[in-house]
Amino acid sequence: MPKMRRKADLPTKICAACGRPFAWRRKWARDWDEVKFCSERCRAERRRTTSAQPARPSN
């Protein structure tokens, strides 16, 4: 049986949307380098806020 790891021993990142730290998950094992958001909610929120910003008027 494999040795259990503590959550504190796993790599962490900072979420690009909410700014909170989140830890590695097994489902992200193949693409950990591309993971930017801690959850689907943050990913959807970030996409919604960036596309909803109005264009700046150039005077």
Protein backbone atom coordinates (compact mmCIF):
# COMPACT_ATOMS: atom_id res chain seq x y z
CA MET A 1 0.00 0.00 0.00
CA PRO A 2 1.40 3.45 -0.92
CA LYS A 3 2.43 5.87 1.78
CA MET A 4 -0.19 8.53 2.51
CA ARG A 5 0.72 12.17 1.94
CA ARG A 6 -0.35 15.05 4.07
CA LYS A 7 -2.18 17.92 2.38
CA ALA A 8 0.54 20.30 3.56
CA ASP A 9 3.14 18.31 1.57
CA LEU A 10 1.34 18.80 -1.77
CA PRO A 11 2.26 21.61 -4.17
CA THR A 12 0.10 24.74 -4.06
CA LYS A 13 -0.79 27.64 -6.38
CA ILE A 14 -2.67 30.92 -6.07
CA CYS A 15 -6.03 31.15 -7.89
CA ALA A 16 -6.03 33.74 -10.70
CA ALA A 17 -9.63 34.74 -9.93
CA CYS A 18 -10.02 34.83 -6.16
CA GLY A 19 -6.38 35.00 -5.04
CA ARG A 20 -6.68 32.14 -2.56
CA PRO A 21 -4.16 29.30 -2.37
CA PHE A 22 -5.23 25.85 -3.54
CA ALA A 23 -3.48 22.49 -3.41
CA TRP A 24 -2.73 19.86 -6.04
CA ARG A 25 -5.50 17.37 -6.76
CA ARG A 26 -5.20 13.96 -8.30
CA LYS A 27 -7.50 14.88 -11.21
CA TRP A 28 -5.05 17.68 -12.13
CA ALA A 29 -2.03 15.33 -12.21
CA ARG A 30 -1.59 15.42 -16.01
CA ASP A 31 -2.08 19.17 -16.48
CA TRP A 32 -1.01 20.77 -13.19
CA ASP A 33 1.16 23.28 -15.07
CA GLU A 34 -1.89 24.64 -16.94
CA VAL A 35 -4.23 24.85 -13.92
CA LYS A 36 -4.92 28.50 -13.03
CA PHE A 37 -8.18 28.45 -11.07
CA CYS A 38 -9.17 26.68 -7.86
CA SER A 39 -12.67 25.76 -9.03
CA GLU A 40 -15.13 25.82 -11.91
CA ARG A 41 -16.89 28.71 -10.19
CA CYS A 42 -13.73 30.85 -10.22
CA ARG A 43 -13.01 29.92 -13.83
CA ALA A 44 -16.54 30.88 -14.93
CA GLU A 45 -16.49 34.09 -12.87
CA ARG A 46 -13.16 35.17 -14.36
CA ARG A 47 -14.38 34.51 -17.89
CA ARG A 48 -17.62 36.42 -17.24
CA THR A 49 -15.91 39.49 -15.75
CA THR A 50 -13.28 39.79 -18.48
CA SER A 51 -15.81 39.54 -21.31
CA ALA A 52 -18.33 41.87 -19.64
CA GLN A 53 -15.96 44.82 -19.27
CA PRO A 54 -16.90 47.67 -21.60
CA ALA A 55 -14.33 49.08 -23.99
CA ARG A 56 -12.51 52.19 -22.81
CA PRO A 57 -13.39 55.32 -24.73
CA SER A 58 -10.36 56.89 -26.40
CA ASN A 59 -10.61 60.68 -26.22
